[in-house]
Amino acid sequence: MHCTLGVDVGTSSTKGVLVAADGSIVASATRAHDVDRPHTGWVEMDAHIWWDEFVSIAGELISAHPDAEIAAVGVSGMGPCVLLVDADDEPVRSAILYGVDTRSGAQIARMADELGIDEITRIGGSTLTSQAGGAKIAWISDEEPDAWAKARRFFMPASWLARKLTGAYVLDHQSASQTSPLYDIENETWYDPWWQRYAGTIEQPRLTWAGDIAGEVTDAASVLTGIPASTPVITGTIDAWTEAVSVGAHEVGDLMLMYGTTMFLVATGEQTLRTPSMWTTAGAFPGTRNLAGGLSTSGALTAWLKDLTGSDYPELLAEAEVSGPGANGLLILPYFAGERTPIQDPDARGVIAGLTLQHGRGDLYRAALEATALGVRHNVETMRASGADITRIVAVGGGTQGQLWLQVISDVTGLVQEVPETTIGASYGAAFLAASAVASDGAEPAITGWNPIVQTITPNPDLRAFYDTLFDRYVRLYESSKDVIHELAADQRGT
């Protein structure tokens, strides 16, 4: 049985799938993990966990299916992250995670002053935000000189797995374009003047595309994982883009909406659209550009409420259904970990407005679902105002298993969502990219055959006016409360 193996390192777990040539899932495995939050605004992770969990998952899947012939391996991971290693490939510190880690504010301000915001946007496509990988590299240089003195190479989760499996030192163009301001988006290459200025002691990884073959499994990696030596491994990319591949939402005009620990949106087009509110990136494939956005919390917020109330998800969903639209007069700003797009405010904080003694946990849970939906609407409207032509929306991720959440987002945004048969996400997309990479000419798999659309979520037109009003209140609530919120954020940091 010919199969491909796809593994994705996410924020809260690593997931792996063994996929047959027709796209059917033979087996899957998951390893849960936690991130570290050593200070307010810091989110990091020990990169040894990424490889250890890959080894564990690969071993489990392969040993359970000894008849599976692994044709290729796909890798994927959260990002943009910054993992710096020494000359022996040993991490010099824990990896700094993507935009939920907001420590690099001083470096962002300094780079903007030294380089100029307009020039940064012209070269890299995006202004600098907490998502910018280059600013996180600069933070290590500024704040941890001992670690910086040893640093020689730079990885993200997908490229780290590729390195451990093959020995190749590569990074895909999409991930590189989020290492702002070190990548030149129009010329699709590292921008040497700024690389030398801010990352000069780090060797530049070779740039390839997500589905390109990075190398072959080494004998040493084969012994550890059970994957046959010489098996091809793709370069891979950031999980949101691999998720888009997994549901066929990577064509021009598509918008991928990823339901996970955070909510992520990727709109695909041919033009480089620049706006200070969103992230402009290279696409996963040559000839495409993306306008992307992300909420800092979504599943993380609902999980927080579940843990806080001591309830389980079925109870909360049932009570939220009873609560109904508007959550009996509650409105939440979901900025419990700062916020990424479109407000780009790492010092934003969560707000629960309208709370009374009559409200219960079902109302809070309903308001949290609506808060993430309002955040999605804010992003979509900003994308369209920036010139994105969004003609099709596809939902993916673990949150799509909850029918209420899907319906709330369609009702709040007014958008029709297509839901595919398989919503396991980035690991499945990585397996598809791997299968495509080794297919003979004319025999490439089609994602529509692997993963057809099986459900369409249509908004309730009777709720349109209500949610228009609620969205207006949502925007105004942030604007009217942000000064106090910023003062509280400063208190939390002790500044």
Protein backbone atom coordinates (compact mmCIF):
# COMPACT_ATOMS: atom_id res chain seq x y z
CA MET A 1 0.00 0.00 0.00
CA HIS A 2 1.62 3.26 -1.14
CA CYS A 3 1.19 6.08 1.40
CA THR A 4 2.54 9.47 2.32
CA LEU A 5 3.22 10.60 5.86
CA GLY A 6 2.26 14.14 6.89
CA VAL A 7 3.21 15.68 10.24
CA ASP A 8 2.35 19.15 11.54
CA VAL A 9 3.70 20.82 14.68
CA GLY A 10 0.97 23.08 16.06
CA THR A 11 0.61 25.36 19.05
CA SER A 12 -1.09 22.81 21.29
CA SER A 13 -0.23 19.50 19.62
CA THR A 14 1.68 17.67 16.91
CA LYS A 15 -0.49 15.69 14.51
CA GLY A 16 0.48 13.02 12.01
CA VAL A 17 -1.45 11.17 9.32
CA LEU A 18 -0.70 8.24 7.09
CA VAL A 19 -2.58 8.80 3.83
CA ALA A 20 -3.19 6.33 1.01
CA ALA A 21 -2.69 7.26 -2.64
CA ASP A 22 -6.42 8.00 -3.06
CA GLY A 23 -6.43 10.48 -0.15
CA SER A 24 -8.06 8.21 2.40
CA ILE A 25 -6.62 8.41 5.91
CA VAL A 26 -5.08 5.11 6.93
CA ALA A 27 -4.22 6.20 10.47
CA SER A 28 -3.56 9.29 12.55
CA ALA A 29 -1.81 10.12 15.79
CA THR A 30 -1.56 13.17 18.04
CA ARG A 31 0.79 14.33 20.78
CA ALA A 32 -0.46 17.15 22.99
CA HIS A 33 2.00 19.69 24.32
CA ASP A 34 2.08 23.05 26.01
CA VAL A 35 3.88 26.26 25.15
CA ASP A 36 5.88 28.16 27.74
CA ARG A 37 4.87 31.67 28.84
CA PRO A 38 7.76 32.78 31.06
CA HIS A 39 6.69 36.44 31.02
CA THR A 40 3.66 38.43 29.92
CA GLY A 41 3.82 38.62 26.14
CA TRP A 42 6.37 35.82 25.78
CA VAL A 43 5.34 32.54 24.13
CA GLU A 44 8.05 29.99 23.39
CA MET A 45 8.72 26.27 23.14
CA ASP A 46 11.56 23.79 23.50
CA ALA A 47 12.29 22.72 19.91
CA HIS A 48 13.46 19.28 21.04
CA ILE A 49 9.76 18.53 21.56
CA TRP A 50 9.08 19.04 17.84
CA TRP A 51 11.50 16.33 16.78
CA ASP A 52 10.72 13.98 19.69
CA GLU A 53 7.02 14.08 18.84
CA PHE A 54 7.72 13.55 15.14
CA VAL A 55 9.79 10.47 15.96
CA SER A 56 7.09 9.14 18.28
CA ILE A 57 4.26 9.70 15.79
CA ALA A 58 6.16 8.25 12.84
CA GLY A 59 7.08 5.19 14.85
CA GLU A 60 3.51 4.62 15.98
CA LEU A 61 1.97 4.96 12.53
CA ILE A 62 4.55 2.89 10.70
CA SER A 63 4.69 0.08 13.25
CA ALA A 64 0.88 -0.18 13.24
CA HIS A 65 0.86 -0.47 9.43
CA PRO A 66 3.91 -2.45 8.37
CA ASP A 67 2.39 -2.96 4.90
CA ALA A 68 2.48 0.78 4.20
CA GLU A 69 5.17 1.84 1.75
CA ILE A 70 6.11 5.45 2.53
CA ALA A 71 6.53 7.22 -0.80
CA ALA A 72 7.32 10.64 0.68
CA VAL A 73 7.12 12.69 3.87
CA GLY A 74 5.36 16.04 4.30
CA VAL A 75 6.20 18.46 7.11
CA SER A 76 4.41 21.55 8.39
CA GLY A 77 4.40 23.73 11.48
CA MET A 78 3.23 26.84 13.24
CA GLY A 79 4.90 30.07 12.30
CA PRO A 80 6.58 32.34 11.72
CA CYS A 81 8.73 31.10 14.61
CA VAL A 82 12.38 31.75 15.35
CA LEU A 83 14.61 28.87 16.36
CA LEU A 84 18.32 29.66 16.39
CA VAL A 85 20.85 26.85 16.67
CA ASP A 86 24.62 26.64 17.00
CA ALA A 87 27.14 25.11 14.60
CA ASP A 88 26.20 21.63 15.86
CA ASP A 89 22.48 22.26 15.33
CA GLU A 90 21.84 22.51 19.05
CA PRO A 91 19.22 25.17 19.97
CA VAL A 92 20.79 28.17 21.69
CA ARG A 93 17.48 28.95 23.43
CA SER A 94 13.81 28.00 23.23
CA ALA A 95 12.07 28.85 19.97
CA ILE A 96 10.17 32.15 19.97
CA LEU A 97 6.69 31.61 18.53
CA TYR A 98 4.71 33.60 16.00
CA GLY A 99 2.63 36.76 16.52
CA VAL A 100 1.23 35.68 19.89
CA ASP A 101 4.71 36.43 21.24
CA THR A 102 4.88 40.21 21.54
CA ARG A 103 8.31 40.75 23.12
CA SER A 104 9.95 42.48 20.13
CA GLY A 105 8.20 45.86 20.34
CA ALA A 106 11.43 47.80 20.91
CA GLN A 107 13.11 46.12 17.94
CA ILE A 108 10.12 46.83 15.70
CA ALA A 109 10.23 50.50 16.66
CA ARG A 110 13.98 50.68 16.09
CA MET A 111 13.81 48.98 12.69
CA ALA A 112 10.97 51.24 11.60
CA ASP A 113 13.05 54.26 12.59
CA GLU A 114 16.27 53.01 10.97
CA LEU A 115 14.80 51.67 7.74
CA GLY A 116 11.60 53.66 7.28
CA ILE A 117 8.11 52.17 7.28
CA ASP A 118 7.53 52.89 3.59
CA GLU A 119 10.78 51.20 2.59
CA ILE A 120 10.06 48.18 4.81
CA THR A 121 6.67 47.82 3.14
CA ARG A 122 8.12 48.28 -0.34
CA ILE A 123 10.77 45.60 0.12
CA GLY A 124 8.94 43.08 2.28
CA GLY A 125 5.28 43.79 1.58
CA SER A 126 4.22 44.27 5.20
CA THR A 127 4.83 46.68 8.02
CA LEU A 128 6.51 45.24 11.09
CA THR A 129 4.26 43.69 13.74
CA SER A 130 4.56 41.05 16.45
CA GLN A 131 4.40 38.53 13.57
CA ALA A 132 7.72 39.69 12.10
CA GLY A 133 10.39 37.00 12.39
CA GLY A 134 13.26 39.39 11.72
CA ALA A 135 12.36 41.50 14.73
CA LYS A 136 12.43 38.40 16.94
CA ILE A 137 15.91 37.56 15.64
CA ALA A 138 16.96 41.11 16.51
CA TRP A 139 15.50 40.70 20.01
CA ILE A 140 17.80 37.74 20.68
CA SER A 141 20.76 39.75 19.38
CA ASP A 142 19.87 42.67 21.65
CA GLU A 143 18.74 40.89 24.81
CA GLU A 144 20.63 37.59 24.94
CA PRO A 145 24.19 38.17 23.74
CA ASP A 146 25.44 34.80 25.00
CA ALA A 147 22.84 32.91 22.97
CA TRP A 148 23.41 35.18 19.97
CA ALA A 149 27.16 34.59 20.03
CA LYS A 150 26.56 30.86 19.47
CA ALA A 151 23.77 31.17 16.89
CA ARG A 152 24.62 30.03 13.35
CA ARG A 153 21.39 28.83 11.67
CA PHE A 154 17.71 29.74 11.69
CA PHE A 155 14.72 27.38 11.55
CA MET A 156 10.96 27.19 11.83
CA PRO A 157 9.19 23.95 12.86
CA ALA A 158 8.75 22.59 9.31
CA SER A 159 12.30 23.41 8.25
CA TRP A 160 13.64 21.97 11.53
CA LEU A 161 11.92 18.64 10.82
CA ALA A 162 13.31 18.71 7.27
CA ARG A 163 16.78 19.36 8.68
CA LYS A 164 16.56 16.51 11.19
CA LEU A 165 15.25 14.11 8.54
CA THR A 166 17.52 15.02 5.62
CA GLY A 167 20.32 17.33 6.75
CA ALA A 168 19.09 19.99 4.30
CA TYR A 169 19.19 23.62 5.40
CA VAL A 170 16.19 25.13 3.61
CA LEU A 171 13.24 27.44 4.19
CA ASP A 172 10.23 27.92 1.96
CA HIS A 173 9.47 31.29 0.37
CA GLN A 174 6.19 31.72 2.23
CA SER A 175 7.83 31.33 5.64
CA ALA A 176 10.75 33.51 4.57
CA SER A 177 8.35 36.29 3.57
CA GLN A 178 7.20 36.40 7.20
CA THR A 179 10.75 36.89 8.43
CA SER A 180 10.21 40.63 7.97
CA PRO A 181 12.15 42.73 7.10
CA LEU A 182 14.76 40.26 5.81
CA TYR A 183 12.97 39.04 2.64
CA ASP A 184 12.45 40.82 -0.69
CA ILE A 185 8.96 39.82 -1.79
CA GLU A 186 9.10 41.01 -5.40
CA ASN A 187 12.46 39.36 -6.14
CA GLU A 188 11.66 36.32 -3.96
CA THR A 189 15.02 36.26 -2.24
CA TRP A 190 16.70 37.28 1.00
CA TYR A 191 17.35 41.02 1.14
CA ASP A 192 21.06 41.00 1.82
CA PRO A 193 21.55 44.58 3.12
CA TRP A 194 19.05 44.04 5.93
CA TRP A 195 20.02 40.43 6.57
CA GLN A 196 23.62 41.51 7.12
CA ARG A 197 22.47 44.35 9.38
CA TYR A 198 20.20 42.33 11.66
CA ALA A 199 21.15 38.66 11.18
CA GLY A 200 24.65 38.83 9.75
CA THR A 201 26.17 35.96 11.75
CA ILE A 202 23.35 33.59 10.72
CA GLU A 203 23.80 31.48 7.60
CA GLN A 204 20.97 32.11 5.14
CA PRO A 205 18.82 29.02 4.52
CA ARG A 206 18.39 28.05 0.88
CA LEU A 207 14.99 29.16 -0.38
CA THR A 208 12.63 26.70 -2.07
CA TRP A 209 8.85 26.31 -2.44
CA ALA A 210 6.69 24.41 0.03
CA GLY A 211 6.13 21.37 -2.17
CA ASP A 212 9.70 21.08 -3.40
CA ILE A 213 11.76 18.12 -2.23
CA ALA A 214 14.25 19.29 0.41
CA GLY A 215 16.20 16.04 0.52
CA GLU A 216 15.99 12.37 1.45
CA VAL A 217 15.76 10.64 4.81
CA THR A 218 19.22 9.88 6.14
CA ASP A 219 20.29 6.54 7.57
CA ALA A 220 20.42 8.05 11.07
CA ALA A 221 16.91 9.52 10.80
CA SER A 222 15.63 6.24 9.39
CA VAL A 223 16.82 4.34 12.46
CA LEU A 224 15.02 6.77 14.77
CA THR A 225 11.75 7.12 12.86
CA GLY A 226 11.26 3.86 10.98
CA ILE A 227 10.97 5.76 7.69
CA PRO A 228 13.04 4.05 5.02
CA ALA A 229 16.31 5.78 4.16
CA SER A 230 16.26 7.79 0.91
CA THR A 231 12.53 8.59 1.24
CA PRO A 232 11.93 12.09 -0.20
CA VAL A 233 10.95 14.88 2.25
CA ILE A 234 9.36 18.14 1.12
CA THR A 235 10.42 21.55 2.40
CA GLY A 236 6.99 22.27 3.90
CA THR A 237 5.64 25.56 5.16
CA ILE A 238 3.64 27.28 7.90
CA ASP A 239 0.58 25.36 9.07
CA ALA A 240 -2.07 27.85 7.94
CA TRP A 241 -0.82 27.63 4.36
CA THR A 242 -0.64 23.84 4.52
CA GLU A 243 -4.19 23.83 5.87
CA ALA A 244 -5.26 25.88 2.86
CA VAL A 245 -3.72 23.24 0.61
CA SER A 246 -5.53 20.49 2.53
CA VAL A 247 -8.92 21.88 1.52
CA GLY A 248 -8.05 23.25 -1.91
CA ALA A 249 -8.30 26.87 -0.73
CA HIS A 250 -5.08 28.08 -2.33
CA GLU A 251 -6.31 29.22 -5.72
CA VAL A 252 -6.75 32.86 -6.76
CA GLY A 253 -9.92 34.24 -5.13
CA ASP A 254 -9.97 31.70 -2.29
CA LEU A 255 -10.07 32.52 1.42
CA MET A 256 -9.07 29.85 3.90
CA LEU A 257 -10.54 30.21 7.40
CA MET A 258 -8.67 28.06 9.92
CA TYR A 259 -10.43 27.21 13.17
CA GLY A 260 -7.82 26.36 15.78
CA THR A 261 -6.16 27.59 18.97
CA THR A 262 -5.96 30.85 17.07
CA MET A 263 -8.05 31.81 14.05
CA PHE A 264 -6.16 32.36 10.81
CA LEU A 265 -7.25 33.68 7.42
CA VAL A 266 -5.38 33.44 4.12
CA ALA A 267 -6.67 35.14 0.94
CA THR A 268 -4.90 34.17 -2.29
CA GLY A 269 -4.36 36.41 -5.30
CA GLU A 270 -1.83 37.26 -7.97
CA GLN A 271 -1.02 40.83 -6.92
CA THR A 272 1.07 42.02 -4.01
CA LEU A 273 -1.46 43.91 -1.88
CA ARG A 274 0.06 46.11 0.79
CA THR A 275 -1.82 47.34 3.85
CA PRO A 276 -0.55 48.17 7.36
CA SER A 277 -3.43 46.21 8.90
CA MET A 278 -2.67 42.78 7.44
CA TRP A 279 0.27 40.58 6.43
CA THR A 280 1.41 40.48 2.84
CA THR A 281 3.28 37.27 2.04
CA ALA A 282 4.51 35.09 -0.75
CA GLY A 283 2.18 32.21 -1.50
CA ALA A 284 2.84 28.53 -0.98
CA PHE A 285 3.29 28.16 -4.75
CA PRO A 286 5.11 30.20 -7.39
CA GLY A 287 3.09 33.02 -8.91
CA THR A 288 0.78 33.58 -5.94
CA ARG A 289 0.60 36.20 -3.21
CA ASN A 290 -1.37 36.17 0.01
CA LEU A 291 -3.03 38.69 2.24
CA ALA A 292 -3.22 37.02 5.62
CA GLY A 293 -4.59 37.76 9.05
CA GLY A 294 -4.93 36.09 12.40
CA LEU A 295 -6.71 36.39 15.72
CA SER A 296 -4.49 35.77 18.74
CA THR A 297 -7.18 33.69 20.42
CA SER A 298 -10.15 31.64 19.27
CA GLY A 299 -10.00 28.03 20.44
CA ALA A 300 -7.69 29.28 23.20
CA LEU A 301 -10.51 31.53 24.44
CA THR A 302 -13.18 28.82 24.43
CA ALA A 303 -10.75 26.43 26.16
CA TRP A 304 -10.07 29.06 28.81
CA LEU A 305 -13.81 29.38 29.49
CA LYS A 306 -14.20 25.59 29.64
CA ASP A 307 -11.41 25.29 32.19
CA LEU A 308 -12.60 28.32 34.15
CA THR A 309 -16.15 26.98 34.51
CA GLY A 310 -15.21 23.34 35.00
CA SER A 311 -17.60 22.37 32.22
CA ASP A 312 -17.21 20.30 29.09
CA TYR A 313 -17.73 21.47 25.52
CA PRO A 314 -21.08 19.69 24.90
CA GLU A 315 -22.57 21.37 27.99
CA LEU A 316 -21.30 24.79 27.01
CA LEU A 317 -22.42 24.46 23.40
CA ALA A 318 -25.90 23.38 24.44
CA GLU A 319 -26.20 26.32 26.83
CA ALA A 320 -24.79 28.73 24.23
CA GLU A 321 -27.44 27.53 21.78
CA VAL A 322 -30.12 28.36 24.33
CA SER A 323 -28.54 31.75 25.03
CA GLY A 324 -29.10 32.75 21.40
CA PRO A 325 -27.79 35.61 19.23
CA GLY A 326 -26.33 38.45 21.27
CA ALA A 327 -25.79 36.27 24.36
CA ASN A 328 -28.51 38.14 26.27
CA GLY A 329 -26.72 41.45 25.93
CA LEU A 330 -23.06 40.42 26.28
CA LEU A 331 -20.23 41.59 24.07
CA ILE A 332 -16.65 40.30 24.35
CA LEU A 333 -13.44 41.67 22.87
CA PRO A 334 -11.42 38.46 22.34
CA TYR A 335 -8.03 40.11 22.85
CA PHE A 336 -7.00 37.90 25.78
CA ALA A 337 -3.49 37.49 24.35
CA GLY A 338 -3.21 40.86 22.64
CA GLU A 339 -4.44 41.00 19.07
CA ARG A 340 -2.85 40.54 15.72
CA THR A 341 -4.88 41.68 12.71
CA PRO A 342 -6.38 44.02 11.84
CA ILE A 343 -5.74 46.18 14.92
CA GLN A 344 -2.11 45.01 15.36
CA ASP A 345 -2.16 45.76 19.07
CA PRO A 346 -0.07 43.49 21.32
CA ASP A 347 -1.26 45.50 24.34
CA ALA A 348 -4.94 44.87 23.63
CA ARG A 349 -6.68 42.88 26.35
CA GLY A 350 -9.95 41.01 26.72
CA VAL A 351 -13.12 42.86 27.68
CA ILE A 352 -16.48 41.44 28.74
CA ALA A 353 -19.09 44.17 28.42
CA GLY A 354 -22.70 44.11 29.61
CA LEU A 355 -22.21 41.50 32.32
CA THR A 356 -24.94 41.17 34.99
CA LEU A 357 -25.74 38.76 37.82
CA GLN A 358 -28.31 37.13 35.56
CA HIS A 359 -25.77 35.93 33.01
CA GLY A 360 -24.56 32.35 33.06
CA ARG A 361 -21.74 30.36 31.55
CA GLY A 362 -23.78 29.65 28.41
CA ASP A 363 -24.07 33.37 27.77
CA LEU A 364 -20.33 33.81 28.22
CA TYR A 365 -19.59 30.93 25.87
CA ARG A 366 -22.00 32.25 23.24
CA ALA A 367 -20.43 35.72 23.52
CA ALA A 368 -16.96 34.17 23.09
CA LEU A 369 -18.06 32.42 19.88
CA GLU A 370 -19.54 35.66 18.61
CA ALA A 371 -16.37 37.56 19.59
CA THR A 372 -14.21 35.36 17.37
CA ALA A 373 -16.79 35.75 14.58
CA LEU A 374 -16.69 39.53 14.93
CA GLY A 375 -12.90 39.35 14.75
CA VAL A 376 -13.13 37.32 11.54
CA ARG A 377 -15.54 39.88 10.07
CA HIS A 378 -13.15 42.69 10.98
CA ASN A 379 -10.37 40.90 9.09
CA VAL A 380 -12.46 40.07 6.02
CA GLU A 381 -13.75 43.61 5.67
CA THR A 382 -10.19 44.94 5.99
CA MET A 383 -8.95 42.52 3.33
CA ARG A 384 -11.66 43.52 0.89
CA ALA A 385 -11.02 47.21 1.53
CA SER A 386 -7.38 46.54 0.66
CA GLY A 387 -8.30 45.10 -2.74
CA ALA A 388 -8.61 41.37 -2.03
CA ASP A 389 -11.09 39.70 -4.37
CA ILE A 390 -12.59 36.98 -2.18
CA THR A 391 -14.94 34.73 -4.14
CA ARG A 392 -14.86 31.48 -2.15
CA ILE A 393 -14.43 30.66 1.54
CA VAL A 394 -13.38 27.27 2.85
CA ALA A 395 -13.34 26.34 6.55
CA VAL A 396 -10.79 23.96 8.06
CA GLY A 397 -9.44 22.91 11.44
CA GLY A 398 -10.67 21.24 14.59
CA GLY A 399 -13.25 23.94 15.33
CA THR A 400 -15.25 22.97 12.24
CA GLN A 401 -16.51 19.95 14.17
CA GLY A 402 -18.76 22.29 16.16
CA GLN A 403 -21.82 23.17 14.08
CA LEU A 404 -22.79 26.13 16.26
CA TRP A 405 -19.44 27.88 15.83
CA LEU A 406 -19.60 27.49 12.05
CA GLN A 407 -23.13 28.91 11.97
CA VAL A 408 -22.27 31.83 14.24
CA ILE A 409 -19.39 32.86 12.01
CA SER A 410 -21.52 32.68 8.86
CA ASP A 411 -24.31 34.65 10.55
CA VAL A 412 -21.97 37.36 11.90
CA THR A 413 -19.98 37.74 8.68
CA GLY A 414 -22.77 37.09 6.19
CA LEU A 415 -20.46 34.64 4.40
CA VAL A 416 -21.19 31.22 2.97
CA GLN A 417 -18.60 28.68 4.13
CA GLU A 418 -17.68 25.44 2.40
CA VAL A 419 -16.63 22.58 4.66
CA PRO A 420 -14.66 19.66 3.20
CA GLU A 421 -14.92 16.03 4.12
CA THR A 422 -11.57 15.99 5.92
CA THR A 423 -10.82 18.88 8.26
CA ILE A 424 -7.84 17.36 10.07
CA GLY A 425 -5.84 20.22 8.62
CA ALA A 426 -2.17 20.86 8.04
CA SER A 427 -0.86 17.31 8.49
CA TYR A 428 -3.23 16.17 5.72
CA GLY A 429 -2.12 19.06 3.50
CA ALA A 430 1.51 18.13 4.12
CA ALA A 431 0.76 14.55 3.05
CA PHE A 432 -0.89 15.88 -0.12
CA LEU A 433 2.11 18.07 -0.96
CA ALA A 434 4.37 15.08 -0.44
CA ALA A 435 2.23 12.93 -2.75
CA SER A 436 2.29 15.66 -5.40
CA ALA A 437 6.07 16.03 -5.14
CA VAL A 438 6.74 12.40 -6.08
CA ALA A 439 3.90 11.86 -8.57
CA SER A 440 4.86 11.08 -12.14
CA ASP A 441 3.87 13.59 -14.83
CA GLY A 442 0.15 13.38 -15.53
CA ALA A 443 -0.55 11.41 -12.36
CA GLU A 444 -0.54 14.26 -9.84
CA PRO A 445 -3.32 13.92 -7.23
CA ALA A 446 -6.14 16.49 -7.15
CA ILE A 447 -7.25 17.81 -3.78
CA THR A 448 -10.85 17.87 -4.99
CA GLY A 449 -10.58 14.10 -5.37
CA TRP A 450 -8.80 13.63 -2.08
CA ASN A 451 -11.03 15.96 -0.08
CA PRO A 452 -14.40 16.94 -1.60
CA ILE A 453 -16.69 19.62 -0.14
CA VAL A 454 -19.49 17.94 1.85
CA GLN A 455 -21.24 20.80 3.63
CA THR A 456 -22.20 24.40 2.99
CA ILE A 457 -22.98 26.79 5.86
CA THR A 458 -25.36 29.56 4.82
CA PRO A 459 -25.93 32.70 6.92
CA ASN A 460 -29.36 33.43 8.36
CA PRO A 461 -30.51 36.63 6.58
CA ASP A 462 -32.87 37.46 9.45
CA LEU A 463 -29.84 38.08 11.71
CA ARG A 464 -27.97 40.37 9.33
CA ALA A 465 -29.21 43.68 10.75
CA PHE A 466 -28.69 42.51 14.33
CA TYR A 467 -25.08 41.51 13.71
CA ASP A 468 -24.39 44.69 11.73
CA THR A 469 -25.29 46.60 14.90
CA LEU A 470 -23.24 44.28 17.10
CA PHE A 471 -20.21 44.65 14.83
CA ASP A 472 -20.45 48.44 15.07
CA ARG A 473 -20.50 48.13 18.87
CA TYR A 474 -17.55 45.74 18.75
CA VAL A 475 -15.39 48.23 16.85
CA ARG A 476 -16.48 51.13 19.05
CA LEU A 477 -15.88 49.18 22.27
CA TYR A 478 -12.22 48.69 21.41
CA GLU A 479 -11.73 52.32 20.38
CA SER A 480 -13.40 53.65 23.54
CA SER A 481 -11.61 51.32 25.97
CA LYS A 482 -8.11 50.93 24.52
CA ASP A 483 -6.49 53.70 26.57
CA VAL A 484 -7.48 52.03 29.84
CA ILE A 485 -6.62 48.60 28.43
CA HIS A 486 -3.13 49.78 27.52
CA GLU A 487 -2.61 51.14 31.02
CA LEU A 488 -3.63 47.77 32.47
CA ALA A 489 -1.28 45.98 30.05
CA ALA A 490 1.57 48.18 31.25
CA ASP A 491 0.72 47.26 34.85
CA GLN A 492 0.81 43.58 33.93
CA ARG A 493 4.28 44.02 32.45
CA GLY A 494 5.40 45.95 35.49
CA THR A 495 6.31 49.02 33.39
